[in-house]
């Protein structure tokens, strides 16, 4: 009851994934990524340890094929699982367990793999892969998001509603460019994720600068003044002497 896509950006070395399901909190369980190294999906009666193993192998430089082979050999319950890998060369590999009873498919495009189970029809993952490759000049996160929306529009899961969704894209310095999740939605997880993705677009660069170069960002004046006022109200000036050292911060309106 999950459909997902993993993709690679040849310009930046980023790997990313977009995923949705009618269950809760799918993003934390099924997706594993390492910047410049690979992407791993583990779904259908998910065992997140398989994703952990797979991404560790990809991080060591193993191929997608060898990674999936080793992951499958590690589990006595592999026939309940659906596994997908994308390696640093853009190669893909999948395994569909024989205990899956539903429509399950995968489709590949250049630098992407779409994977799904308990699907409405056998064209869902094809639509996703096609959407991903349609405009390679777009940022990786947008390509993945459009692919997820295409999977929904092509029929998606056989029984909804979609209650969780996630989009993640790796970045340099060990800081993800995007890691956005809708862990619970009444019925519109993909739509809710789109709203979050669009809202985050204007924040991504600022939040990256917060992590990498905090001295370069001024402090919001309203927060600064409100903090000083509250410190004074509580008589905490000796403990928090911000007002006496205002010149240590650059403020912005």
Protein backbone atom coordinates (compact mmCIF):
# COMPACT_ATOMS: atom_id res chain seq x y z
CA UNK A 1 0.00 0.00 0.00
CA UNK A 2 2.98 2.21 -0.66
CA UNK A 3 4.25 3.93 -3.77
CA UNK A 4 7.56 5.69 -3.86
CA UNK A 5 10.41 6.94 -6.01
CA UNK A 6 14.13 7.39 -5.48
CA UNK A 7 16.21 9.62 -7.73
CA UNK A 8 19.67 11.01 -8.31
CA UNK A 9 20.88 14.46 -9.43
CA UNK A 10 24.00 14.22 -11.57
CA UNK A 11 24.75 17.95 -11.13
CA UNK A 12 24.86 18.01 -7.33
CA UNK A 13 25.43 14.40 -6.31
CA UNK A 14 22.22 14.51 -4.29
CA UNK A 15 19.95 11.53 -3.82
CA UNK A 16 16.31 11.87 -2.91
CA UNK A 17 13.05 10.06 -2.34
CA UNK A 18 9.33 10.75 -2.30
CA UNK A 19 6.88 8.28 -0.78
CA UNK A 20 3.28 7.94 0.40
CA UNK A 21 0.98 5.35 1.95
CA UNK A 22 -2.32 4.92 3.76
CA UNK A 23 -0.42 4.03 6.93
CA UNK A 24 1.24 6.52 9.30
CA UNK A 25 4.74 8.01 9.36
CA UNK A 26 6.06 6.39 6.22
CA UNK A 27 9.06 8.69 5.78
CA UNK A 28 10.96 7.48 8.80
CA UNK A 29 10.51 3.79 8.06
CA UNK A 30 11.04 3.16 4.36
CA UNK A 31 13.62 5.61 2.98
CA UNK A 32 17.40 5.63 3.45
CA UNK A 33 19.77 8.00 1.59
CA UNK A 34 23.47 8.92 1.55
CA UNK A 35 24.68 11.94 -0.38
CA UNK A 36 26.71 10.99 -3.42
CA UNK A 37 26.40 7.28 -2.67
CA UNK A 38 22.89 5.98 -3.11
CA UNK A 39 19.26 5.55 -2.12
CA UNK A 40 17.39 2.60 -0.63
CA UNK A 41 13.71 1.72 -0.31
CA UNK A 42 12.35 -1.02 1.95
CA UNK A 43 8.57 -1.38 1.95
CA UNK A 44 5.61 -3.80 2.21
CA UNK A 45 5.46 -5.13 5.79
CA UNK A 46 8.46 -2.92 6.27
CA UNK A 47 11.56 -3.94 8.16
CA UNK A 48 13.58 -0.72 8.42
CA UNK A 49 16.70 -2.72 9.26
CA UNK A 50 16.81 -3.85 5.64
CA UNK A 51 17.01 -0.25 4.54
CA UNK A 52 19.74 0.39 7.08
CA UNK A 53 21.78 -2.53 5.77
CA UNK A 54 21.20 -1.56 2.16
CA UNK A 55 22.28 2.04 2.55
CA UNK A 56 25.39 0.99 4.46
CA UNK A 57 26.37 -1.22 1.53
CA UNK A 58 25.72 1.53 -1.01
CA UNK A 59 27.77 3.92 1.12
CA UNK A 60 30.67 1.46 0.82
CA UNK A 61 30.44 1.71 -2.96
CA UNK A 62 28.58 -1.51 -3.70
CA UNK A 63 26.35 -1.67 -6.76
CA UNK A 64 22.57 -1.63 -6.54
CA UNK A 65 22.46 -5.24 -7.75
CA UNK A 66 24.94 -6.51 -5.17
CA UNK A 67 23.24 -4.49 -2.45
CA UNK A 68 19.81 -5.95 -3.12
CA UNK A 69 21.26 -9.44 -3.33
CA UNK A 70 22.95 -9.07 0.05
CA UNK A 71 19.92 -7.46 1.68
CA UNK A 72 17.66 -10.27 0.46
CA UNK A 73 20.06 -12.91 1.75
CA UNK A 74 20.04 -11.30 5.20
CA UNK A 75 16.36 -11.91 5.99
CA UNK A 76 14.35 -15.09 6.39
CA UNK A 77 11.20 -13.03 5.81
CA UNK A 78 12.32 -11.43 2.56
CA UNK A 79 9.34 -12.79 0.62
CA UNK A 80 7.13 -10.31 2.48
CA UNK A 81 9.30 -7.37 1.44
CA UNK A 82 9.70 -5.05 -1.51
CA UNK A 83 13.22 -3.69 -1.89
CA UNK A 84 14.72 -1.11 -4.25
CA UNK A 85 18.17 0.42 -4.61
CA UNK A 86 19.77 3.19 -6.69
CA UNK A 87 23.55 3.40 -6.67
CA UNK A 88 26.15 6.11 -7.30
CA UNK A 89 26.29 5.24 -11.02
CA UNK A 90 22.54 5.54 -11.45
CA UNK A 91 22.04 1.78 -11.65
CA UNK A 92 18.96 0.23 -10.06
CA UNK A 93 17.91 -3.11 -8.63
CA UNK A 94 14.68 -4.39 -7.07
CA UNK A 95 13.21 -7.41 -5.35
CA UNK A 96 9.51 -8.20 -5.09
CA UNK A 97 8.76 -10.78 -2.43
CA UNK A 98 6.59 -13.69 -3.48
CA UNK A 99 4.29 -13.28 -0.48
CA UNK A 100 2.94 -10.01 -1.86
CA UNK A 101 -0.65 -10.62 -3.00
CA UNK A 102 -1.48 -7.32 -4.69
CA UNK A 103 -0.61 -5.44 -7.85
CA UNK A 104 3.03 -4.52 -7.38
CA UNK A 105 5.35 -2.96 -9.95
CA UNK A 106 8.48 -0.99 -10.54
CA UNK A 107 9.63 1.21 -13.40
CA UNK A 108 12.94 2.90 -14.04
CA UNK A 109 14.01 6.01 -15.87
CA UNK A 110 17.34 7.74 -16.13
CA UNK A 111 18.62 8.06 -12.55
CA UNK A 112 15.37 6.97 -10.91
CA UNK A 113 13.42 3.98 -9.66
CA UNK A 114 9.69 4.00 -8.87
CA UNK A 115 8.35 1.20 -6.70
CA UNK A 116 4.88 0.31 -5.46
CA UNK A 117 2.62 -2.32 -3.94
CA UNK A 118 -1.10 -2.76 -3.26
CA UNK A 119 -1.63 -0.51 -6.26
CA UNK A 120 -4.79 0.42 -8.11
CA UNK A 121 -3.27 -0.62 -11.45
CA UNK A 122 0.00 -1.62 -13.08
CA UNK A 123 0.75 1.81 -14.59
CA UNK A 124 1.23 3.81 -11.37
CA UNK A 125 5.00 3.46 -11.16
CA UNK A 126 5.38 4.03 -14.91
CA UNK A 127 3.64 7.38 -14.53
CA UNK A 128 5.99 8.25 -11.68
CA UNK A 129 9.16 7.44 -13.59
CA UNK A 130 7.89 9.32 -16.64
CA UNK A 131 7.15 12.40 -14.54
CA UNK A 132 10.59 12.31 -12.96
CA UNK A 133 12.45 12.32 -16.28
CA UNK A 134 10.12 14.81 -17.98
CA UNK A 135 12.12 17.91 -16.97
CA UNK A 136 15.67 17.08 -15.84
CA UNK A 137 16.54 20.76 -15.34
CA UNK A 138 14.21 21.08 -12.35
CA UNK A 139 15.61 20.69 -8.82
CA UNK A 140 15.64 17.10 -7.61
CA UNK A 141 13.04 17.70 -4.92
CA UNK A 142 10.55 19.15 -7.40
CA UNK A 143 11.08 16.26 -9.81
CA UNK A 144 10.41 13.78 -7.01
CA UNK A 145 7.34 15.66 -5.82
CA UNK A 146 5.89 15.74 -9.33
CA UNK A 147 6.53 12.03 -9.64
CA UNK A 148 4.64 11.35 -6.42
CA UNK A 149 1.72 13.46 -7.62
CA UNK A 150 1.76 11.58 -10.93
CA UNK A 151 1.52 8.28 -9.07
CA UNK A 152 -1.46 9.54 -7.11
CA UNK A 153 -3.14 10.81 -10.27
CA UNK A 154 -2.50 7.51 -12.06
CA UNK A 155 -4.52 5.64 -9.44
CA UNK A 156 -2.13 5.30 -6.52
CA UNK A 157 -3.04 2.84 -3.82
CA UNK A 158 -6.03 0.54 -4.31
CA UNK A 159 -7.66 1.57 -1.02
CA UNK A 160 -7.01 4.98 0.50
CA UNK A 161 -6.95 7.47 1.87
CA UNK A 162 -3.27 8.40 1.76
CA UNK A 163 -2.40 9.31 5.34
CA UNK A 164 1.34 9.99 5.28
CA UNK A 165 3.93 11.18 2.78
CA UNK A 166 7.52 12.35 2.76
CA UNK A 167 10.10 14.04 0.58
CA UNK A 168 13.81 13.94 1.34
CA UNK A 169 16.81 15.20 -0.64
CA UNK A 170 20.40 14.97 0.58
CA UNK A 171 22.86 17.85 0.61
CA UNK A 172 26.52 18.66 1.16
CA UNK A 173 28.14 18.79 4.60
CA UNK A 174 25.77 16.13 5.87
CA UNK A 175 22.83 18.54 5.86
CA UNK A 176 19.75 17.52 3.90
CA UNK A 177 18.45 20.00 1.37
CA UNK A 178 14.93 18.82 2.24
CA UNK A 179 13.54 16.44 4.83
CA UNK A 180 9.80 17.08 4.88
CA UNK A 181 7.16 14.75 6.27
CA UNK A 182 3.42 14.53 6.68
CA UNK A 183 3.17 11.81 9.32
CA UNK A 184 -0.61 11.90 9.69
CA UNK A 185 -3.26 13.33 7.38
CA UNK A 186 -6.97 12.61 7.30
CA UNK A 187 -7.03 11.93 3.57
CA UNK A 188 -4.71 14.26 1.65
CA UNK A 189 -1.12 13.40 2.53
CA UNK A 190 0.30 14.14 -0.93
CA UNK A 191 -1.56 17.44 -1.19
CA UNK A 192 -0.43 18.39 2.31
CA UNK A 193 3.16 17.53 1.39
CA UNK A 194 2.94 19.77 -1.69
CA UNK A 195 1.87 22.69 0.50
CA UNK A 196 4.83 22.05 2.80
CA UNK A 197 7.30 21.67 -0.07
CA UNK A 198 6.21 24.97 -1.61
CA UNK A 199 6.32 26.78 1.72
CA UNK A 200 9.77 25.41 2.51
CA UNK A 201 11.25 26.61 -0.77
CA UNK A 202 11.87 30.14 0.56
CA UNK A 203 13.32 28.80 3.81
CA UNK A 204 15.76 26.18 2.58
CA UNK A 205 18.74 28.49 1.92
CA UNK A 206 18.24 30.41 5.16
CA UNK A 207 18.06 27.26 7.28
CA UNK A 208 21.19 25.94 5.59
CA UNK A 209 22.98 29.18 6.44
CA UNK A 210 21.77 28.89 10.03
CA UNK A 211 23.65 25.62 10.25
CA UNK A 212 26.78 26.49 8.28
CA UNK A 213 27.32 30.23 8.89
CA UNK A 214 25.13 31.52 11.73
CA UNK A 215 27.22 34.68 12.23
CA UNK A 216 26.14 35.91 8.81
CA UNK A 217 22.47 36.09 9.71
CA UNK A 218 21.05 39.08 11.60
CA UNK A 219 18.69 38.61 14.52
CA UNK A 220 15.03 39.52 14.06
CA UNK A 221 14.50 42.76 15.96
CA UNK A 222 11.03 41.83 17.21
CA UNK A 223 12.32 38.64 18.82
CA UNK A 224 15.34 40.42 20.27
CA UNK A 225 13.27 43.22 21.84
CA UNK A 226 10.63 40.81 23.13
CA UNK A 227 13.33 38.70 24.76
CA UNK A 228 14.85 41.70 26.52
CA UNK A 229 11.43 42.81 27.73
CA UNK A 230 10.66 39.39 29.15
CA UNK A 231 14.07 39.12 30.80
CA UNK A 232 13.43 42.44 32.53
CA UNK A 233 9.91 41.42 33.59
CA UNK A 234 11.27 38.33 35.29
CA UNK A 235 14.24 40.11 36.85
CA UNK A 236 16.75 37.89 35.05
CA UNK A 237 19.12 40.63 33.77
CA UNK A 238 22.08 39.29 35.73
CA UNK A 239 21.64 35.83 34.24
CA UNK A 240 20.82 37.03 30.69
CA UNK A 241 22.67 40.38 30.19
CA UNK A 242 21.52 40.79 26.60
CA UNK A 243 20.42 44.42 27.02
CA UNK A 244 23.88 45.46 28.28
CA UNK A 245 25.55 43.95 25.24
CA UNK A 246 23.23 44.87 22.39
CA UNK A 247 26.15 45.65 20.11
CA UNK A 248 27.06 41.96 19.94
CA UNK A 249 24.12 41.28 17.62
CA UNK A 250 23.16 42.69 14.24
CA UNK A 251 19.41 43.25 14.10
CA UNK A 252 16.96 43.29 11.22
CA UNK A 253 13.35 44.46 11.05
